[in-house]
PDB file of N, CA and C in Angstrom:
ATOM      1  N   MET A   1      -3.886  20.047 -25.445  1.00  0.00           N
ATOM      2  CA  MET A   1      -2.583  19.657 -25.604  1.00  0.00           C
ATOM      3  C   MET A   1      -2.615  18.399 -24.662  1.00  0.00           C
ATOM      4  N   PRO A   2      -2.006  17.290 -25.160  1.00  0.00           N
ATOM      5  CA  PRO A   2      -2.136  16.001 -24.382  1.00  0.00           C
ATOM      6  C   PRO A   2      -0.812  16.051 -23.314  1.00  0.00           C
ATOM      7  N   LEU A   3      -1.169  15.205 -22.249  1.00  0.00           N
ATOM      8  CA  LEU A   3      -0.193  15.187 -21.210  1.00  0.00           C
ATOM      9  C   LEU A   3       0.992  14.558 -21.684  1.00  0.00           C
ATOM     10  N   PRO A   4       2.113  14.972 -21.270  1.00  0.00           N
ATOM     11  CA  PRO A   4       3.345  14.342 -21.609  1.00  0.00           C
ATOM     12  C   PRO A   4       3.590  12.861 -20.816  1.00  0.00           C
ATOM     13  N   ASP A   5       4.146  12.104 -21.449  1.00  0.00           N
ATOM     14  CA  ASP A   5       4.393  10.663 -20.896  1.00  0.00           C
ATOM     15  C   ASP A   5       4.613  10.533 -19.450  1.00  0.00           C
ATOM     16  N   ARG A   6       5.439  11.533 -18.982  1.00  0.00           N
ATOM     17  CA  ARG A   6       5.861  11.235 -17.649  1.00  0.00           C
ATOM     18  C   ARG A   6       4.859  11.688 -16.864  1.00  0.00           C
ATOM     19  N   LEU A   7       3.780  12.185 -17.154  1.00  0.00           N
ATOM     20  CA  LEU A   7       2.614  12.768 -16.429  1.00  0.00           C
ATOM     21  C   LEU A   7       1.526  12.037 -16.368  1.00  0.00           C
ATOM     22  N   GLN A   8       1.647  10.840 -17.444  1.00  0.00           N
ATOM     23  CA  GLN A   8       0.391   9.956 -17.634  1.00  0.00           C
ATOM     24  C   GLN A   8       0.109   9.127 -16.271  1.00  0.00           C
ATOM     25  N   PRO A   9      -0.947   8.630 -15.975  1.00  0.00           N
ATOM     26  CA  PRO A   9      -1.183   7.842 -14.959  1.00  0.00           C
ATOM     27  C   PRO A   9      -0.627   6.465 -15.102  1.00  0.00           C
ATOM     28  N   ALA A  10      -0.096   5.890 -14.161  1.00  0.00           N
ATOM     29  CA  ALA A  10       0.397   4.574 -14.198  1.00  0.00           C
ATOM     30  C   ALA A  10      -0.591   3.726 -14.785  1.00  0.00           C
ATOM     31  N   LYS A  11      -0.245   2.657 -15.597  1.00  0.00           N
ATOM     32  CA  LYS A  11      -1.150   1.600 -15.969  1.00  0.00           C
ATOM     33  C   LYS A  11      -0.643   0.153 -15.179  1.00  0.00           C
ATOM     34  N   VAL A  12      -1.819   0.063 -14.356  1.00  0.00           N
ATOM     35  CA  VAL A  12      -1.596  -1.038 -13.638  1.00  0.00           C
ATOM     36  C   VAL A  12      -2.987  -2.172 -13.637  1.00  0.00           C
ATOM     37  N   ASN A  13      -2.632  -3.533 -13.877  1.00  0.00           N
ATOM     38  CA  ASN A  13      -3.864  -4.332 -13.986  1.00  0.00           C
ATOM     39  C   ASN A  13      -4.527  -4.655 -12.754  1.00  0.00           C
ATOM     40  N   ARG A  14      -5.451  -5.316 -12.753  1.00  0.00           N
ATOM     41  CA  ARG A  14      -6.436  -5.612 -11.803  1.00  0.00           C
ATOM     42  C   ARG A  14      -5.579  -6.618 -10.733  1.00  0.00           C
ATOM     43  N   GLN A  15      -4.882  -7.644 -11.370  1.00  0.00           N
ATOM     44  CA  GLN A  15      -4.182  -8.485 -10.585  1.00  0.00           C
ATOM     45  C   GLN A  15      -3.314  -7.911  -9.695  1.00  0.00           C
ATOM     46  N   LYS A  16      -2.619  -6.893 -10.111  1.00  0.00           N
ATOM     47  CA  LYS A  16      -1.484  -6.277  -9.395  1.00  0.00           C
ATOM     48  C   LYS A  16      -2.066  -5.492  -8.189  1.00  0.00           C
ATOM     49  N   LEU A  17      -3.228  -4.790  -8.561  1.00  0.00           N
ATOM     50  CA  LEU A  17      -4.202  -3.945  -7.502  1.00  0.00           C
ATOM     51  C   LEU A  17      -4.419  -5.020  -6.583  1.00  0.00           C
ATOM     52  N   GLN A  18      -5.008  -6.119  -6.875  1.00  0.00           N
ATOM     53  CA  GLN A  18      -5.524  -7.139  -5.881  1.00  0.00           C
ATOM     54  C   GLN A  18      -4.389  -7.578  -4.972  1.00  0.00           C
ATOM     55  N   GLN A  19      -3.198  -7.859  -5.634  1.00  0.00           N
ATOM     56  CA  GLN A  19      -2.180  -8.212  -4.755  1.00  0.00           C
ATOM     57  C   GLN A  19      -1.715  -7.294  -3.789  1.00  0.00           C
ATOM     58  N   LEU A  20      -1.515  -6.113  -4.324  1.00  0.00           N
ATOM     59  CA  LEU A  20      -1.231  -4.902  -3.400  1.00  0.00           C
ATOM     60  C   LEU A  20      -2.221  -4.509  -2.119  1.00  0.00           C
ATOM     61  N   ALA A  21      -3.448  -4.880  -2.585  1.00  0.00           N
ATOM     62  CA  ALA A  21      -4.585  -4.665  -1.609  1.00  0.00           C
ATOM     63  C   ALA A  21      -4.507  -5.816  -0.580  1.00  0.00           C
ATOM     64  N   ASP A  22      -4.362  -6.902  -1.102  1.00  0.00           N
ATOM     65  CA  ASP A  22      -4.051  -8.295  -0.182  1.00  0.00           C
ATOM     66  C   ASP A  22      -2.800  -7.978   0.828  1.00  0.00           C
ATOM     67  N   MET A  23      -1.806  -7.404   0.290  1.00  0.00           N
ATOM     68  CA  MET A  23      -0.580  -7.065   1.074  1.00  0.00           C
ATOM     69  C   MET A  23      -0.920  -6.054   2.286  1.00  0.00           C
ATOM     70  N   ALA A  24      -1.928  -5.097   1.901  1.00  0.00           N
ATOM     71  CA  ALA A  24      -2.348  -3.803   2.738  1.00  0.00           C
ATOM     72  C   ALA A  24      -3.244  -4.615   4.000  1.00  0.00           C
ATOM     73  N   GLU A  25      -3.830  -5.720   3.414  1.00  0.00           N
ATOM     74  CA  GLU A  25      -4.632  -6.298   4.563  1.00  0.00           C
ATOM     75  C   GLU A  25      -3.938  -6.940   5.469  1.00  0.00           C
ATOM     76  N   GLU A  26      -2.868  -7.660   5.027  1.00  0.00           N
ATOM     77  CA  GLU A  26      -1.913  -8.526   5.900  1.00  0.00           C
ATOM     78  C   GLU A  26      -1.193  -7.618   6.726  1.00  0.00           C
ATOM     79  N   ILE A  27      -0.676  -6.441   6.169  1.00  0.00           N
ATOM     80  CA  ILE A  27       0.194  -5.708   7.028  1.00  0.00           C
ATOM     81  C   ILE A  27      -0.725  -4.799   8.211  1.00  0.00           C
ATOM     82  N   LEU A  28      -1.928  -4.646   7.881  1.00  0.00           N
ATOM     83  CA  LEU A  28      -2.860  -4.212   8.863  1.00  0.00           C
ATOM     84  C   LEU A  28      -3.457  -5.324   9.775  1.00  0.00           C
ATOM     85  N   SER A  29      -3.547  -6.354   9.250  1.00  0.00           N
ATOM     86  CA  SER A  29      -3.880  -7.527  10.129  1.00  0.00           C
ATOM     87  C   SER A  29      -2.743  -7.685  11.365  1.00  0.00           C
ATOM     88  N   GLN A  30      -1.433  -7.772  10.761  1.00  0.00           N
ATOM     89  CA  GLN A  30      -0.367  -7.822  11.891  1.00  0.00           C
ATOM     90  C   GLN A  30      -0.425  -6.843  12.670  1.00  0.00           C
ATOM     91  N   ILE A  31      -0.631  -5.487  12.326  1.00  0.00           N
ATOM     92  CA  ILE A  31      -0.851  -4.315  13.145  1.00  0.00           C
ATOM     93  C   ILE A  31      -1.757  -4.419  14.279  1.00  0.00           C
ATOM     94  N   ASP A  32      -3.034  -4.907  13.534  1.00  0.00           N
ATOM     95  CA  ASP A  32      -4.187  -5.133  14.595  1.00  0.00           C
ATOM     96  C   ASP A  32      -3.722  -6.267  15.666  1.00  0.00           C
ATOM     97  N   ASN A  33      -2.949  -7.053  15.342  1.00  0.00           N
ATOM     98  CA  ASN A  33      -2.685  -8.401  16.255  1.00  0.00           C
ATOM     99  C   ASN A  33      -1.333  -7.909  17.104  1.00  0.00           C
ATOM    100  N   GLY A  34      -1.031  -6.716  17.150  1.00  0.00           N
ATOM    101  CA  GLY A  34      -0.071  -6.338  18.206  1.00  0.00           C
ATOM    102  C   GLY A  34       1.328  -6.066  17.474  1.00  0.00           C
ATOM    103  N   ALA A  35       1.648  -6.264  16.043  1.00  0.00           N
ATOM    104  CA  ALA A  35       2.931  -6.199  15.793  1.00  0.00           C
ATOM    105  C   ALA A  35       3.317  -4.264  15.879  1.00  0.00           C
ATOM    106  N   LYS A  36       4.610  -4.069  16.328  1.00  0.00           N
ATOM    107  CA  LYS A  36       5.013  -2.957  16.631  1.00  0.00           C
ATOM    108  C   LYS A  36       5.758  -2.336  15.365  1.00  0.00           C
ATOM    109  N   GLU A  37       5.959  -1.140  15.090  1.00  0.00           N
ATOM    110  CA  GLU A  37       6.672  -0.618  14.035  1.00  0.00           C
ATOM    111  C   GLU A  37       8.038  -1.023  13.818  1.00  0.00           C
ATOM    112  N   GLU A  38       8.565  -1.522  14.880  1.00  0.00           N
ATOM    113  CA  GLU A  38      10.040  -1.889  14.964  1.00  0.00           C
ATOM    114  C   GLU A  38      10.018  -3.456  14.394  1.00  0.00           C
ATOM    115  N   ASP A  39       8.880  -4.106  14.176  1.00  0.00           N
ATOM    116  CA  ASP A  39       9.050  -5.654  13.864  1.00  0.00           C
ATOM    117  C   ASP A  39       9.416  -5.988  12.614  1.00  0.00           C
ATOM    118  N   ALA A  40      10.422  -6.866  12.606  1.00  0.00           N
ATOM    119  CA  ALA A  40      11.289  -6.770  11.370  1.00  0.00           C
ATOM    120  C   ALA A  40      10.352  -7.632  10.196  1.00  0.00           C
ATOM    121  N   GLY A  41       9.411  -8.417  10.514  1.00  0.00           N
ATOM    122  CA  GLY A  41       8.534  -9.064   9.638  1.00  0.00           C
ATOM    123  C   GLY A  41       7.626  -7.984   8.861  1.00  0.00           C
ATOM    124  N   LEU A  42       7.123  -7.165  10.006  1.00  0.00           N
ATOM    125  CA  LEU A  42       6.139  -5.972   9.259  1.00  0.00           C
ATOM    126  C   LEU A  42       6.906  -4.984   8.557  1.00  0.00           C
ATOM    127  N   LYS A  43       8.207  -4.921   8.985  1.00  0.00           N
ATOM    128  CA  LYS A  43       9.139  -3.710   8.169  1.00  0.00           C
ATOM    129  C   LYS A  43       9.068  -4.439   6.842  1.00  0.00           C
ATOM    130  N   MET A  44       9.354  -5.820   6.848  1.00  0.00           N
ATOM    131  CA  MET A  44       9.858  -6.438   5.455  1.00  0.00           C
ATOM    132  C   MET A  44       8.358  -6.178   4.518  1.00  0.00           C
ATOM    133  N   LEU A  45       7.345  -6.466   5.047  1.00  0.00           N
ATOM    134  CA  LEU A  45       6.000  -6.434   4.216  1.00  0.00           C
ATOM    135  C   LEU A  45       5.723  -4.929   3.754  1.00  0.00           C
ATOM    136  N   ILE A  46       6.106  -3.880   4.758  1.00  0.00           N
ATOM    137  CA  ILE A  46       5.938  -2.636   4.248  1.00  0.00           C
ATOM    138  C   ILE A  46       7.068  -2.375   3.146  1.00  0.00           C
ATOM    139  N   ASP A  47       8.145  -2.460   3.403  1.00  0.00           N
ATOM    140  CA  ASP A  47       8.982  -2.268   2.589  1.00  0.00           C
ATOM    141  C   ASP A  47       9.002  -2.842   1.054  1.00  0.00           C
ATOM    142  N   SER A  48       8.417  -4.214   1.167  1.00  0.00           N
ATOM    143  CA  SER A  48       8.161  -4.820  -0.070  1.00  0.00           C
ATOM    144  C   SER A  48       6.912  -4.153  -0.913  1.00  0.00           C
ATOM    145  N   TRP A  49       5.788  -3.738  -0.150  1.00  0.00           N
ATOM    146  CA  TRP A  49       4.768  -2.865  -0.592  1.00  0.00           C
ATOM    147  C   TRP A  49       5.336  -1.791  -1.221  1.00  0.00           C
ATOM    148  N   ASN A  50       6.025  -0.971  -0.515  1.00  0.00           N
ATOM    149  CA  ASN A  50       6.668   0.321  -1.028  1.00  0.00           C
ATOM    150  C   ASN A  50       7.491   0.407  -2.070  1.00  0.00           C
ATOM    151  N   SER A  51       8.090  -0.742  -2.364  1.00  0.00           N
ATOM    152  CA  SER A  51       9.020  -1.133  -3.492  1.00  0.00           C
ATOM    153  C   SER A  51       8.181  -1.137  -4.892  1.00  0.00           C
ATOM    154  N   GLN A  52       6.934  -1.613  -4.741  1.00  0.00           N
ATOM    155  CA  GLN A  52       6.004  -1.799  -5.880  1.00  0.00           C
ATOM    156  C   GLN A  52       5.190  -0.590  -6.063  1.00  0.00           C
ATOM    157  N   VAL A  53       5.242   0.481  -5.469  1.00  0.00           N
ATOM    158  CA  VAL A  53       4.410   1.709  -5.532  1.00  0.00           C
ATOM    159  C   VAL A  53       5.181   3.062  -6.028  1.00  0.00           C
ATOM    160  N   ILE A  54       4.431   4.115  -6.256  1.00  0.00           N
ATOM    161  CA  ILE A  54       5.129   5.357  -6.523  1.00  0.00           C
ATOM    162  C   ILE A  54       5.287   6.236  -5.331  1.00  0.00           C
ATOM    163  N   ASN A  55       3.889   6.245  -4.577  1.00  0.00           N
ATOM    164  CA  ASN A  55       3.745   6.883  -3.273  1.00  0.00           C
ATOM    165  C   ASN A  55       4.061   5.881  -2.146  1.00  0.00           C
ATOM    166  N   PRO A  56       5.378   5.907  -1.571  1.00  0.00           N
ATOM    167  CA  PRO A  56       5.444   4.998  -0.328  1.00  0.00           C
ATOM    168  C   PRO A  56       4.526   5.232   0.830  1.00  0.00           C
ATOM    169  N   TYR A  57       4.212   4.608   1.554  1.00  0.00           N
ATOM    170  CA  TYR A  57       3.367   4.740   2.880  1.00  0.00           C
ATOM    171  C   TYR A  57       4.339   4.376   4.154  1.00  0.00           C
ATOM    172  N   ALA A  58       4.015   5.036   5.187  1.00  0.00           N
ATOM    173  CA  ALA A  58       4.738   4.777   6.651  1.00  0.00           C
ATOM    174  C   ALA A  58       3.682   3.734   7.342  1.00  0.00           C
ATOM    175  N   PHE A  59       4.561   3.173   8.403  1.00  0.00           N
ATOM    176  CA  PHE A  59       3.742   2.438   9.571  1.00  0.00           C
ATOM    177  C   PHE A  59       2.326   2.918   9.781  1.00  0.00           C
ATOM    178  N   SER A  60       2.402   4.260  10.053  1.00  0.00           N
ATOM    179  CA  SER A  60       1.200   4.903  10.625  1.00  0.00           C
ATOM    180  C   SER A  60      -0.125   5.031   9.388  1.00  0.00           C
ATOM    181  N   ASP A  61       0.516   5.118   8.208  1.00  0.00           N
ATOM    182  CA  ASP A  61      -0.734   5.037   7.076  1.00  0.00           C
ATOM    183  C   ASP A  61      -1.275   4.010   6.788  1.00  0.00           C
ATOM    184  N   PHE A  62      -0.537   2.635   7.153  1.00  0.00           N
ATOM    185  CA  PHE A  62      -1.108   1.262   7.234  1.00  0.00           C
ATOM    186  C   PHE A  62      -2.086   1.254   8.458  1.00  0.00           C
ATOM    187  N   ARG A  63      -1.655   1.740   9.584  1.00  0.00           N
ATOM    188  CA  ARG A  63      -2.324   1.616  10.788  1.00  0.00           C
ATOM    189  C   ARG A  63      -3.626   2.298  10.649  1.00  0.00           C
ATOM    190  N   ASP A  64      -3.588   3.584  10.090  1.00  0.00           N
ATOM    191  CA  ASP A  64      -4.846   4.247  10.117  1.00  0.00           C
ATOM    192  C   ASP A  64      -5.740   3.934   9.058  1.00  0.00           C
ATOM    193  N   PHE A  65      -5.436   3.571   7.939  1.00  0.00           N
ATOM    194  CA  PHE A  65      -6.113   3.679   6.799  1.00  0.00           C
ATOM    195  C   PHE A  65      -7.510   2.903   6.953  1.00  0.00           C
ATOM    196  N   SER A  66      -7.680   1.746   7.774  1.00  0.00           N
ATOM    197  CA  SER A  66      -8.954   0.981   8.015  1.00  0.00           C
ATOM    198  C   SER A  66     -10.113   1.998   8.486  1.00  0.00           C
ATOM    199  N   SER A  67      -9.640   3.203   9.294  1.00  0.00           N
ATOM    200  CA  SER A  67     -10.659   4.004   9.762  1.00  0.00           C
ATOM    201  C   SER A  67     -11.403   4.833   8.751  1.00  0.00           C
ATOM    202  N   TRP A  68     -10.803   5.100   7.548  1.00  0.00           N
ATOM    203  CA  TRP A  68     -11.390   5.810   6.680  1.00  0.00           C
ATOM    204  C   TRP A  68     -11.650   5.438   5.380  1.00  0.00           C
ATOM    205  N   THR A  69     -11.025   4.136   4.870  1.00  0.00           N
ATOM    206  CA  THR A  69     -11.115   3.681   3.528  1.00  0.00           C
ATOM    207  C   THR A  69     -10.893   2.057   3.690  1.00  0.00           C
ATOM    208  N   SER A  70     -11.203   1.392   2.639  1.00  0.00           N
ATOM    209  CA  SER A  70     -10.663   0.026   2.472  1.00  0.00           C
ATOM    210  C   SER A  70      -9.538  -0.152   2.010  1.00  0.00           C
ATOM    211  N   ALA A  71      -8.827  -1.469   1.872  1.00  0.00           N
ATOM    212  CA  ALA A  71      -7.713  -1.718   1.381  1.00  0.00           C
ATOM    213  C   ALA A  71      -7.724  -1.649  -0.164  1.00  0.00           C
ATOM    214  N   LYS A  72      -8.811  -1.908  -0.652  1.00  0.00           N
ATOM    215  CA  LYS A  72      -8.912  -1.882  -2.025  1.00  0.00           C
ATOM    216  C   LYS A  72      -9.101  -0.423  -2.621  1.00  0.00           C
ATOM    217  N   ASP A  73      -9.643   0.479  -1.782  1.00  0.00           N
ATOM    218  CA  ASP A  73      -9.566   1.782  -2.294  1.00  0.00           C
ATOM    219  C   ASP A  73      -8.250   2.572  -1.661  1.00  0.00           C
ATOM    220  N   PHE A  74      -7.576   2.157  -0.910  1.00  0.00           N
ATOM    221  CA  PHE A  74      -6.253   2.670  -0.385  1.00  0.00           C
ATOM    222  C   PHE A  74      -5.253   2.256  -1.366  1.00  0.00           C
ATOM    223  N   THR A  75      -5.113   1.249  -1.883  1.00  0.00           N
ATOM    224  CA  THR A  75      -4.031   0.891  -2.893  1.00  0.00           C
ATOM    225  C   THR A  75      -3.912   1.711  -3.814  1.00  0.00           C
ATOM    226  N   PRO A  76      -4.942   2.171  -4.673  1.00  0.00           N
ATOM    227  CA  PRO A  76      -4.599   2.895  -5.971  1.00  0.00           C
ATOM    228  C   PRO A  76      -3.992   4.318  -5.499  1.00  0.00           C
ATOM    229  N   ASP A  77      -4.038   4.614  -4.333  1.00  0.00           N
ATOM    230  CA  ASP A  77      -3.574   5.955  -3.751  1.00  0.00           C
ATOM    231  C   ASP A  77      -2.006   6.004  -3.860  1.00  0.00           C
ATOM    232  N   GLY A  78      -1.636   4.753  -3.644  1.00  0.00           N
ATOM    233  CA  GLY A  78       0.046   4.640  -3.713  1.00  0.00           C
ATOM    234  C   GLY A  78       0.735   4.370  -4.963  1.00  0.00           C
ATOM    235  N   ILE A  79      -0.304   4.008  -6.006  1.00  0.00           N
ATOM    236  CA  ILE A  79       0.280   3.748  -7.172  1.00  0.00           C
ATOM    237  C   ILE A  79       0.028   5.014  -8.043  1.00  0.00           C
TER     238      ILE A  79
END
């Protein structure tokens, strides 16, 4: 029995994945350079990233992902 449409995995092209991975790297870079969770520019980037994915992430998710995976592998988990 096939999966219903609502349960089908999202179809995302490589360009979109790369764009989101680049955004994740930028967010991590700002965090590594001392940006705090309350930083307006950082909040704007995280909000922009979260608006494009199904599973939104918090500041701590972006802060910690580099210890266990790459931005390229982190990104599809949000989609």
